[in-house]
C-alpha atoms as a PDB file:
ATOM      1  CA  UNK A   1      -1.166 -15.182  -2.701  1.00  0.00           C
ATOM      2  CA  UNK A   2      -2.174 -17.015  -5.755  1.00  0.00           C
ATOM      3  CA  UNK A   3       0.686 -15.328  -7.706  1.00  0.00           C
ATOM      4  CA  UNK A   4       3.245 -16.715  -5.116  1.00  0.00           C
ATOM      5  CA  UNK A   5       2.001 -20.115  -5.491  1.00  0.00           C
ATOM      6  CA  UNK A   6       2.120 -19.887  -9.216  1.00  0.00           C
ATOM      7  CA  UNK A   7       5.919 -18.768  -8.980  1.00  0.00           C
ATOM      8  CA  UNK A   8       6.684 -21.553  -6.399  1.00  0.00           C
ATOM      9  CA  UNK A   9       5.244 -24.332  -8.617  1.00  0.00           C
ATOM     10  CA  UNK A  10       6.243 -22.913 -12.018  1.00  0.00           C
ATOM     11  CA  UNK A  11       8.182 -25.462 -14.350  1.00  0.00           C
ATOM     12  CA  UNK A  12       7.661 -28.502 -12.160  1.00  0.00           C
ATOM     13  CA  UNK A  13       6.087 -31.801 -12.994  1.00  0.00           C
ATOM     14  CA  UNK A  14       2.406 -32.216 -11.977  1.00  0.00           C
ATOM     15  CA  UNK A  15       3.129 -34.904  -9.356  1.00  0.00           C
ATOM     16  CA  UNK A  16       5.683 -32.672  -7.481  1.00  0.00           C
ATOM     17  CA  UNK A  17       3.345 -29.715  -7.828  1.00  0.00           C
ATOM     18  CA  UNK A  18       0.466 -31.546  -6.329  1.00  0.00           C
ATOM     19  CA  UNK A  19       2.693 -32.813  -3.481  1.00  0.00           C
ATOM     20  CA  UNK A  20       3.899 -29.260  -2.698  1.00  0.00           C
ATOM     21  CA  UNK A  21       0.367 -27.994  -2.766  1.00  0.00           C
ATOM     22  CA  UNK A  22      -0.871 -30.633  -0.424  1.00  0.00           C
ATOM     23  CA  UNK A  23       2.062 -29.909   1.981  1.00  0.00           C
ATOM     24  CA  UNK A  24       1.155 -26.205   2.063  1.00  0.00           C
ATOM     25  CA  UNK A  25      -2.464 -27.000   2.736  1.00  0.00           C
ATOM     26  CA  UNK A  26      -1.493 -29.312   5.619  1.00  0.00           C
ATOM     27  CA  UNK A  27       0.889 -26.892   6.992  1.00  0.00           C
ATOM     28  CA  UNK A  28      -1.724 -24.095   6.977  1.00  0.00           C
ATOM     29  CA  UNK A  29      -4.293 -26.483   8.397  1.00  0.00           C
ATOM     30  CA  UNK A  30      -1.933 -27.650  11.323  1.00  0.00           C
ATOM     31  CA  UNK A  31      -1.147 -23.880  12.057  1.00  0.00           C
ATOM     32  CA  UNK A  32      -5.053 -23.126  11.798  1.00  0.00           C
ATOM     33  CA  UNK A  33      -4.361 -20.315   9.332  1.00  0.00           C
ATOM     34  CA  UNK A  34      -6.855 -19.556   6.618  1.00  0.00           C
ATOM     35  CA  UNK A  35      -6.061 -17.970   3.257  1.00  0.00           C
ATOM     36  CA  UNK A  36      -7.916 -14.878   4.475  1.00  0.00           C
ATOM     37  CA  UNK A  37      -5.637 -14.728   7.532  1.00  0.00           C
ATOM     38  CA  UNK A  38      -2.630 -15.192   5.371  1.00  0.00           C
ATOM     39  CA  UNK A  39      -3.652 -12.333   3.165  1.00  0.00           C
ATOM     40  CA  UNK A  40      -4.251 -10.054   6.037  1.00  0.00           C
ATOM     41  CA  UNK A  41      -0.977 -11.023   7.405  1.00  0.00           C
ATOM     42  CA  UNK A  42       0.813 -10.453   4.087  1.00  0.00           C
ATOM     43  CA  UNK A  43      -1.006  -6.809   4.045  1.00  0.00           C
ATOM     44  CA  UNK A  44       0.204  -6.044   7.570  1.00  0.00           C
ATOM     45  CA  UNK A  45       3.817  -7.159   6.758  1.00  0.00           C
ATOM     46  CA  UNK A  46       3.786  -4.930   3.761  1.00  0.00           C
ATOM     47  CA  UNK A  47       2.401  -1.976   5.682  1.00  0.00           C
ATOM     48  CA  UNK A  48       5.161  -2.234   8.579  1.00  0.00           C
ATOM     49  CA  UNK A  49       8.033  -2.867   6.249  1.00  0.00           C
ATOM     50  CA  UNK A  50       7.034  -0.267   3.838  1.00  0.00           C
ATOM     51  CA  UNK A  51       7.663   2.350   6.599  1.00  0.00           C
ATOM     52  CA  UNK A  52      11.399   1.635   6.629  1.00  0.00           C
ATOM     53  CA  UNK A  53      12.040   0.168   3.085  1.00  0.00           C
ATOM     54  CA  UNK A  54      10.865   0.506  -0.582  1.00  0.00           C
ATOM     55  CA  UNK A  55       9.887  -3.036  -1.425  1.00  0.00           C
ATOM     56  CA  UNK A  56       8.733  -4.958  -4.437  1.00  0.00           C
ATOM     57  CA  UNK A  57       5.211  -6.196  -3.459  1.00  0.00           C
ATOM     58  CA  UNK A  58       4.754  -8.106  -6.636  1.00  0.00           C
ATOM     59  CA  UNK A  59       7.668 -10.515  -6.080  1.00  0.00           C
ATOM     60  CA  UNK A  60       7.032 -10.780  -2.385  1.00  0.00           C
ATOM     61  CA  UNK A  61       6.368 -14.276  -1.079  1.00  0.00           C
ATOM     62  CA  UNK A  62       5.067 -15.337   2.387  1.00  0.00           C
ATOM     63  CA  UNK A  63       4.496 -18.888   3.382  1.00  0.00           C
ATOM     64  CA  UNK A  64       4.289 -21.221   6.197  1.00  0.00           C
ATOM     65  CA  UNK A  65       6.819 -24.134   6.246  1.00  0.00           C
ATOM     66  CA  UNK A  66       7.012 -27.068   8.523  1.00  0.00           C
ATOM     67  CA  UNK A  67      10.249 -27.168  10.496  1.00  0.00           C
ATOM     68  CA  UNK A  68      10.636 -30.324  12.718  1.00  0.00           C
ATOM     69  CA  UNK A  69       7.384 -30.220  14.968  1.00  0.00           C
ATOM     70  CA  UNK A  70       6.907 -26.492  14.428  1.00  0.00           C
ATOM     71  CA  UNK A  71       5.687 -24.097  11.730  1.00  0.00           C
ATOM     72  CA  UNK A  72       7.732 -21.242  10.459  1.00  0.00           C
ATOM     73  CA  UNK A  73       6.704 -18.068   8.708  1.00  0.00           C
ATOM     74  CA  UNK A  74       9.012 -17.538   5.724  1.00  0.00           C
ATOM     75  CA  UNK A  75       9.026 -14.229   3.940  1.00  0.00           C
ATOM     76  CA  UNK A  76      10.977 -13.325   0.816  1.00  0.00           C
ATOM     77  CA  UNK A  77      10.695  -9.580   0.367  1.00  0.00           C
ATOM     78  CA  UNK A  78      12.712  -8.034  -2.337  1.00  0.00           C
ATOM     79  CA  UNK A  79      14.064  -4.592  -1.004  1.00  0.00           C
ATOM     80  CA  UNK A  80      14.593  -2.020  -3.611  1.00  0.00           C
ATOM     81  CA  UNK A  81      15.773   0.793  -1.349  1.00  0.00           C
ATOM     82  CA  UNK A  82      15.817   2.036   2.280  1.00  0.00           C
ATOM     83  CA  UNK A  83      13.687   4.958   3.397  1.00  0.00           C
ATOM     84  CA  UNK A  84      15.722   7.478   5.254  1.00  0.00           C
ATOM     85  CA  UNK A  85      13.662   9.154   8.045  1.00  0.00           C
ATOM     86  CA  UNK A  86      14.826  12.351   9.714  1.00  0.00           C
END
């Protein structure tokens, strides 16, 4: 998760970075999601999607975003190939 945050905030001015970090903390707090739960969620998503697709786990990003009055789970998961089950 820390790597995803680093990519999100790379090459930005410190004020913008601080604002985005605060927004992410507030969103997670509103959704009552701890970093541990986010890590478990990420692992579960990897496990399920990996049954059907070959994914790049290192470039995968999962976050919570505020949309109007609700919170949305946003996942960016690079797919390298499909698994073909017989």
